[in-house]
Structure formats: structure tokens, C-alpha cells
Amino acid sequence: MIAIAVRISDGGSAFYRQVRIGLNRRRFTIIKFRSMREDAERDLGPIWSVPGDPRCTRIGYCLRRSGLDELPQLWNVLRGDMSLVGPRPERPEFTREFRKEQRGYDIRHTVRPGITGYAQIHGWRGYTSLEERLRHDIYYVRNWSLALDLYVLVMTFVRGWSEKTRSGV
């Protein structure tokens, strides 16, 4: 039903595919429900989305607020590219930049990326402090346990996959 709603809303493709960096810095294609115009990056190239991003479609705002745009990533989990829990995967363009700027950034790539993660349940996602996201991701990698994964999953459902984030960019 979501795919039909996306398709009807602006006539474009229901799904969005994008290359991301995963376990051992291996590239893979992430799948999401499309929440932005088809030509969203034509003029500006790869940039992070921001809250209230004008490139979002009407249905896209709803999908992002609810986190339902992430649902197709279950396919990535089944393929073995991702896990349910882990650091969120980044685009290659951003990964190259972050590796130069942030000491220890590659620690994130010693585990599979996740649909949700420790940083996300603490509000560090999207256009927020890279240092804080990295700090939370490193905590997760170094302290991984089944109990921690269960905690992250429970907190994801309690807090939702919403776009609510901390400020502090």
C-alpha cells in the first residue's frame, strides 16, 4: 500500500536505491521507499537531508516522520547487507570525508550496519553532530550483546523511527 501511495503521489518510482558502505567498507545498495522528488540531487549533488527538507514529497514527509520509508531495508537484512541493529550506513561520498575528519570512524565498519541503532535511539541521526553519532556507534560496537540489540529494538518501537533528532550540528 505504501508503494502505491508513493507512486500515485507524484508518478515516480516507489523505491529509492542508493549505494552505502557496510561491513568491512563493502559497498551495497540500500532500498527505501522514495520520500523525495526523483530529481532531488540533480542540482546540488549528494547532500544530507534536513528536517523540513523542501525536496520531500507530501507522502515522503509522512513516511519519514513514521520511519516507514525504512521498511524495504528488511530486504537488505535478508540479503545479509544489513542487520536490524547497528550503526546506520553512510554514502561513500560522506564516508570518505568522515574517515579523514574523525579518528576511529572505521570502527563502525567492523559490524553490519543496521536499520536502527544505538545513536538513533538517542536522537543522533541525520543532520546532527557527527561526533556524537560516532561516539554512540563506537559504544555500540565495543559493547555489543544480544541484550543491547534487544534494548535498541525495544527503544526503537517505544520512541519510534521518527525524524526527531537532537540539535548540535
C-alpha atoms as a PDB file:
ATOM      1  CA  MET A   1       0.000   0.000   0.000  1.00  0.00           C
ATOM      2  CA  ILE A   2       2.898   2.354   0.746  1.00  0.00           C
ATOM      3  CA  ALA A   3       4.443   1.703  -2.670  1.00  0.00           C
ATOM      4  CA  ILE A   4       1.132   2.505  -4.357  1.00  0.00           C
ATOM      5  CA  ALA A   5       0.755   5.704  -2.318  1.00  0.00           C
ATOM      6  CA  VAL A   6       4.279   6.844  -3.243  1.00  0.00           C
ATOM      7  CA  ARG A   7       3.711   6.048  -6.899  1.00  0.00           C
ATOM      8  CA  ILE A   8       0.343   7.840  -7.042  1.00  0.00           C
ATOM      9  CA  SER A   9       1.597  10.886  -5.118  1.00  0.00           C
ATOM     10  CA  ASP A  10       3.963  12.087  -7.862  1.00  0.00           C
ATOM     11  CA  GLY A  11       4.116   9.380 -10.503  1.00  0.00           C
ATOM     12  CA  GLY A  12       7.706   8.388  -9.886  1.00  0.00           C
ATOM     13  CA  SER A  13       9.252   5.143  -8.728  1.00  0.00           C
ATOM     14  CA  ALA A  14       8.068   3.803  -5.372  1.00  0.00           C
ATOM     15  CA  PHE A  15      11.557   2.728  -4.323  1.00  0.00           C
ATOM     16  CA  TYR A  16      14.815   4.573  -3.915  1.00  0.00           C
ATOM     17  CA  ARG A  17      18.138   2.799  -4.244  1.00  0.00           C
ATOM     18  CA  GLN A  18      21.384   4.266  -3.050  1.00  0.00           C
ATOM     19  CA  VAL A  19      24.922   2.951  -2.587  1.00  0.00           C
ATOM     20  CA  ARG A  20      26.041   2.774   1.027  1.00  0.00           C
ATOM     21  CA  ILE A  21      29.110   1.487   2.863  1.00  0.00           C
ATOM     22  CA  GLY A  22      28.684  -1.551   5.100  1.00  0.00           C
ATOM     23  CA  LEU A  23      30.649  -4.252   6.861  1.00  0.00           C
ATOM     24  CA  ASN A  24      34.389  -4.089   6.076  1.00  0.00           C
ATOM     25  CA  ARG A  25      33.724  -0.954   3.965  1.00  0.00           C
ATOM     26  CA  ARG A  26      31.948  -3.049   1.336  1.00  0.00           C
ATOM     27  CA  ARG A  27      29.527  -1.191  -0.928  1.00  0.00           C
ATOM     28  CA  PHE A  28      25.924  -2.312  -1.155  1.00  0.00           C
ATOM     29  CA  THR A  29      22.666  -0.845  -2.437  1.00  0.00           C
ATOM     30  CA  ILE A  30      20.193   0.199   0.226  1.00  0.00           C
ATOM     31  CA  ILE A  31      16.494   0.180  -0.628  1.00  0.00           C
ATOM     32  CA  LYS A  32      13.963   2.625   0.808  1.00  0.00           C
ATOM     33  CA  PHE A  33      10.549   3.907  -0.095  1.00  0.00           C
ATOM     34  CA  ARG A  34      11.172   7.094  -2.060  1.00  0.00           C
ATOM     35  CA  SER A  35      10.394  10.153   0.032  1.00  0.00           C
ATOM     36  CA  MET A  36      11.902  12.871  -2.165  1.00  0.00           C
ATOM     37  CA  ARG A  37      11.366  14.093  -5.691  1.00  0.00           C
ATOM     38  CA  GLU A  38      13.020  11.876  -8.305  1.00  0.00           C
ATOM     39  CA  ASP A  39      15.439  14.677  -9.239  1.00  0.00           C
ATOM     40  CA  ALA A  40      16.240  15.689  -5.638  1.00  0.00           C
ATOM     41  CA  GLU A  41      20.023  15.641  -6.126  1.00  0.00           C
ATOM     42  CA  ARG A  42      20.213  16.855  -9.698  1.00  0.00           C
ATOM     43  CA  ASP A  43      21.299  20.417  -8.846  1.00  0.00           C
ATOM     44  CA  LEU A  44      23.077  20.021  -5.506  1.00  0.00           C
ATOM     45  CA  GLY A  45      24.558  16.540  -5.723  1.00  0.00           C
ATOM     46  CA  PRO A  46      24.811  14.326  -2.633  1.00  0.00           C
ATOM     47  CA  ILE A  47      23.795  16.275   0.449  1.00  0.00           C
ATOM     48  CA  TRP A  48      22.203  15.304   3.740  1.00  0.00           C
ATOM     49  CA  SER A  49      18.522  15.846   4.082  1.00  0.00           C
ATOM     50  CA  VAL A  50      17.455  18.272   6.774  1.00  0.00           C
ATOM     51  CA  PRO A  51      14.246  18.453   8.811  1.00  0.00           C
ATOM     52  CA  GLY A  52      11.557  20.028   6.629  1.00  0.00           C
ATOM     53  CA  ASP A  53      13.624  19.368   3.502  1.00  0.00           C
ATOM     54  CA  PRO A  54      11.847  21.041   0.565  1.00  0.00           C
ATOM     55  CA  ARG A  55      12.859  18.139  -1.700  1.00  0.00           C
ATOM     56  CA  CYS A  56      10.483  15.799   0.178  1.00  0.00           C
ATOM     57  CA  THR A  57       7.156  14.861  -1.325  1.00  0.00           C
ATOM     58  CA  ARG A  58       3.982  15.164   0.757  1.00  0.00           C
ATOM     59  CA  ILE A  59       3.793  11.418   1.275  1.00  0.00           C
ATOM     60  CA  GLY A  60       7.552  11.466   1.887  1.00  0.00           C
ATOM     61  CA  TYR A  61       7.142  13.710   4.939  1.00  0.00           C
ATOM     62  CA  CYS A  62       4.688  11.207   6.413  1.00  0.00           C
ATOM     63  CA  LEU A  63       6.933   8.254   5.613  1.00  0.00           C
ATOM     64  CA  ARG A  64       9.974   9.907   7.185  1.00  0.00           C
ATOM     65  CA  ARG A  65       8.113  11.015  10.299  1.00  0.00           C
ATOM     66  CA  SER A  66       6.857   7.472  10.857  1.00  0.00           C
ATOM     67  CA  GLY A  67      10.058   5.747   9.724  1.00  0.00           C
ATOM     68  CA  LEU A  68       8.101   3.674   7.208  1.00  0.00           C
ATOM     69  CA  ASP A  69      10.454   4.789   4.433  1.00  0.00           C
ATOM     70  CA  GLU A  70      12.989   2.408   6.007  1.00  0.00           C
ATOM     71  CA  LEU A  71      10.768  -0.698   5.748  1.00  0.00           C
ATOM     72  CA  PRO A  72      12.242  -2.008   2.446  1.00  0.00           C
ATOM     73  CA  GLN A  73      15.605  -2.304   4.204  1.00  0.00           C
ATOM     74  CA  LEU A  74      14.312  -5.584   5.586  1.00  0.00           C
ATOM     75  CA  TRP A  75      15.313  -6.887   2.139  1.00  0.00           C
ATOM     76  CA  ASN A  76      18.856  -5.655   2.841  1.00  0.00           C
ATOM     77  CA  VAL A  77      18.762  -7.573   6.137  1.00  0.00           C
ATOM     78  CA  LEU A  78      17.620 -10.759   4.388  1.00  0.00           C
ATOM     79  CA  ARG A  79      20.404 -10.350   1.800  1.00  0.00           C
ATOM     80  CA  GLY A  80      22.990 -10.041   4.588  1.00  0.00           C
ATOM     81  CA  ASP A  81      23.994  -6.455   3.755  1.00  0.00           C
ATOM     82  CA  MET A  82      22.484  -5.108   6.955  1.00  0.00           C
ATOM     83  CA  SER A  83      21.329  -6.145  10.398  1.00  0.00           C
ATOM     84  CA  LEU A  84      18.276  -4.961  12.300  1.00  0.00           C
ATOM     85  CA  VAL A  85      20.574  -3.121  14.744  1.00  0.00           C
ATOM     86  CA  GLY A  86      23.911  -1.459  14.061  1.00  0.00           C
ATOM     87  CA  PRO A  87      25.423   1.855  13.014  1.00  0.00           C
ATOM     88  CA  ARG A  88      23.450   3.443  10.174  1.00  0.00           C
ATOM     89  CA  PRO A  89      25.249   3.036   6.830  1.00  0.00           C
ATOM     90  CA  GLU A  90      26.543   6.165   5.115  1.00  0.00           C
ATOM     91  CA  ARG A  91      27.037   7.051   1.475  1.00  0.00           C
ATOM     92  CA  PRO A  92      30.561   6.618   0.028  1.00  0.00           C
ATOM     93  CA  GLU A  93      30.905  10.380  -0.511  1.00  0.00           C
ATOM     94  CA  PHE A  94      30.270  11.052   3.169  1.00  0.00           C
ATOM     95  CA  THR A  95      32.297   8.074   4.397  1.00  0.00           C
ATOM     96  CA  ARG A  96      35.428   9.330   2.596  1.00  0.00           C
ATOM     97  CA  GLU A  97      35.019  12.727   4.248  1.00  0.00           C
ATOM     98  CA  PHE A  98      34.240  11.346   7.723  1.00  0.00           C
ATOM     99  CA  ARG A  99      37.225   8.982   7.659  1.00  0.00           C
ATOM    100  CA  LYS A 100      39.513  11.997   7.171  1.00  0.00           C
ATOM    101  CA  GLU A 101      37.810  14.103   9.857  1.00  0.00           C
ATOM    102  CA  GLN A 102      37.019  11.570  12.570  1.00  0.00           C
ATOM    103  CA  ARG A 103      39.639   9.380  14.178  1.00  0.00           C
ATOM    104  CA  GLY A 104      38.239   5.896  14.749  1.00  0.00           C
ATOM    105  CA  TYR A 105      35.463   6.270  12.190  1.00  0.00           C
ATOM    106  CA  ASP A 106      36.223   2.893  10.576  1.00  0.00           C
ATOM    107  CA  ILE A 107      35.334   1.066  13.801  1.00  0.00           C
ATOM    108  CA  ARG A 108      31.727   1.410  12.592  1.00  0.00           C
ATOM    109  CA  HIS A 109      32.575  -0.855   9.659  1.00  0.00           C
ATOM    110  CA  THR A 110      33.570  -3.825  11.829  1.00  0.00           C
ATOM    111  CA  VAL A 111      29.873  -4.735  12.230  1.00  0.00           C
ATOM    112  CA  ARG A 112      26.959  -4.844   9.813  1.00  0.00           C
ATOM    113  CA  PRO A 113      25.081  -1.569   9.544  1.00  0.00           C
ATOM    114  CA  GLY A 114      21.577  -1.542  10.946  1.00  0.00           C
ATOM    115  CA  ILE A 115      18.103  -0.302  10.164  1.00  0.00           C
ATOM    116  CA  THR A 116      18.154   1.207  13.636  1.00  0.00           C
ATOM    117  CA  GLY A 117      20.999   1.829  16.022  1.00  0.00           C
ATOM    118  CA  TYR A 118      22.189   2.981  19.411  1.00  0.00           C
ATOM    119  CA  ALA A 119      22.884   6.504  18.128  1.00  0.00           C
ATOM    120  CA  GLN A 120      19.421   6.759  16.565  1.00  0.00           C
ATOM    121  CA  ILE A 121      17.522   5.862  19.729  1.00  0.00           C
ATOM    122  CA  HIS A 122      19.426   8.646  21.465  1.00  0.00           C
ATOM    123  CA  GLY A 123      18.400  11.191  18.835  1.00  0.00           C
ATOM    124  CA  TRP A 124      21.649  11.277  16.854  1.00  0.00           C
ATOM    125  CA  ARG A 125      20.603  10.693  13.259  1.00  0.00           C
ATOM    126  CA  GLY A 126      20.647  12.625  10.023  1.00  0.00           C
ATOM    127  CA  TYR A 127      21.821  16.200  10.212  1.00  0.00           C
ATOM    128  CA  THR A 128      23.164  16.067  13.795  1.00  0.00           C
ATOM    129  CA  SER A 129      26.576  16.025  15.447  1.00  0.00           C
ATOM    130  CA  LEU A 130      28.846  13.545  13.680  1.00  0.00           C
ATOM    131  CA  GLU A 131      31.000  13.332  16.804  1.00  0.00           C
ATOM    132  CA  GLU A 132      28.048  12.270  18.956  1.00  0.00           C
ATOM    133  CA  ARG A 133      26.784   9.765  16.405  1.00  0.00           C
ATOM    134  CA  LEU A 134      30.264   8.279  16.142  1.00  0.00           C
ATOM    135  CA  ARG A 135      30.640   8.167  19.928  1.00  0.00           C
ATOM    136  CA  HIS A 136      27.374   6.241  20.217  1.00  0.00           C
ATOM    137  CA  ASP A 137      28.263   3.937  17.302  1.00  0.00           C
ATOM    138  CA  ILE A 138      31.635   3.105  18.867  1.00  0.00           C
ATOM    139  CA  TYR A 139      29.938   2.427  22.197  1.00  0.00           C
ATOM    140  CA  TYR A 140      27.600   0.002  20.433  1.00  0.00           C
ATOM    141  CA  VAL A 141      30.425  -1.811  18.606  1.00  0.00           C
ATOM    142  CA  ARG A 142      32.569  -2.164  21.725  1.00  0.00           C
ATOM    143  CA  ASN A 143      29.692  -3.208  23.984  1.00  0.00           C
ATOM    144  CA  TRP A 144      27.669  -5.350  21.606  1.00  0.00           C
ATOM    145  CA  SER A 145      25.485  -8.000  23.163  1.00  0.00           C
ATOM    146  CA  LEU A 146      22.162  -9.606  22.410  1.00  0.00           C
ATOM    147  CA  ALA A 147      20.738  -7.666  25.362  1.00  0.00           C
ATOM    148  CA  LEU A 148      21.955  -4.380  23.846  1.00  0.00           C
ATOM    149  CA  ASP A 149      20.380  -5.265  20.495  1.00  0.00           C
ATOM    150  CA  LEU A 150      17.090  -6.094  22.213  1.00  0.00           C
ATOM    151  CA  TYR A 151      17.265  -2.810  24.141  1.00  0.00           C
ATOM    152  CA  VAL A 152      17.802  -0.845  20.912  1.00  0.00           C
ATOM    153  CA  LEU A 153      14.910  -2.651  19.195  1.00  0.00           C
ATOM    154  CA  VAL A 154      12.547  -2.041  22.119  1.00  0.00           C
ATOM    155  CA  MET A 155      13.559   1.624  22.353  1.00  0.00           C
ATOM    156  CA  THR A 156      13.110   1.998  18.583  1.00  0.00           C
ATOM    157  CA  PHE A 157       9.498   0.904  18.923  1.00  0.00           C
ATOM    158  CA  VAL A 158       8.950   2.966  22.083  1.00  0.00           C
ATOM    159  CA  ARG A 159      10.416   6.129  20.589  1.00  0.00           C
ATOM    160  CA  GLY A 160       9.562   5.324  17.002  1.00  0.00           C
ATOM    161  CA  TRP A 161      11.636   5.790  13.869  1.00  0.00           C
ATOM    162  CA  SER A 162      10.641   9.408  13.838  1.00  0.00           C
ATOM    163  CA  GLU A 163      12.770  12.219  12.499  1.00  0.00           C
ATOM    164  CA  LYS A 164      13.017  13.748  15.960  1.00  0.00           C
ATOM    165  CA  THR A 165      16.690  14.471  16.396  1.00  0.00           C
ATOM    166  CA  ARG A 166      18.938  16.368  18.713  1.00  0.00           C
ATOM    167  CA  SER A 167      20.329  19.648  17.628  1.00  0.00           C
ATOM    168  CA  GLY A 168      24.009  20.374  17.825  1.00  0.00           C
ATOM    169  CA  VAL A 169      25.375  20.131  14.330  1.00  0.00           C
END
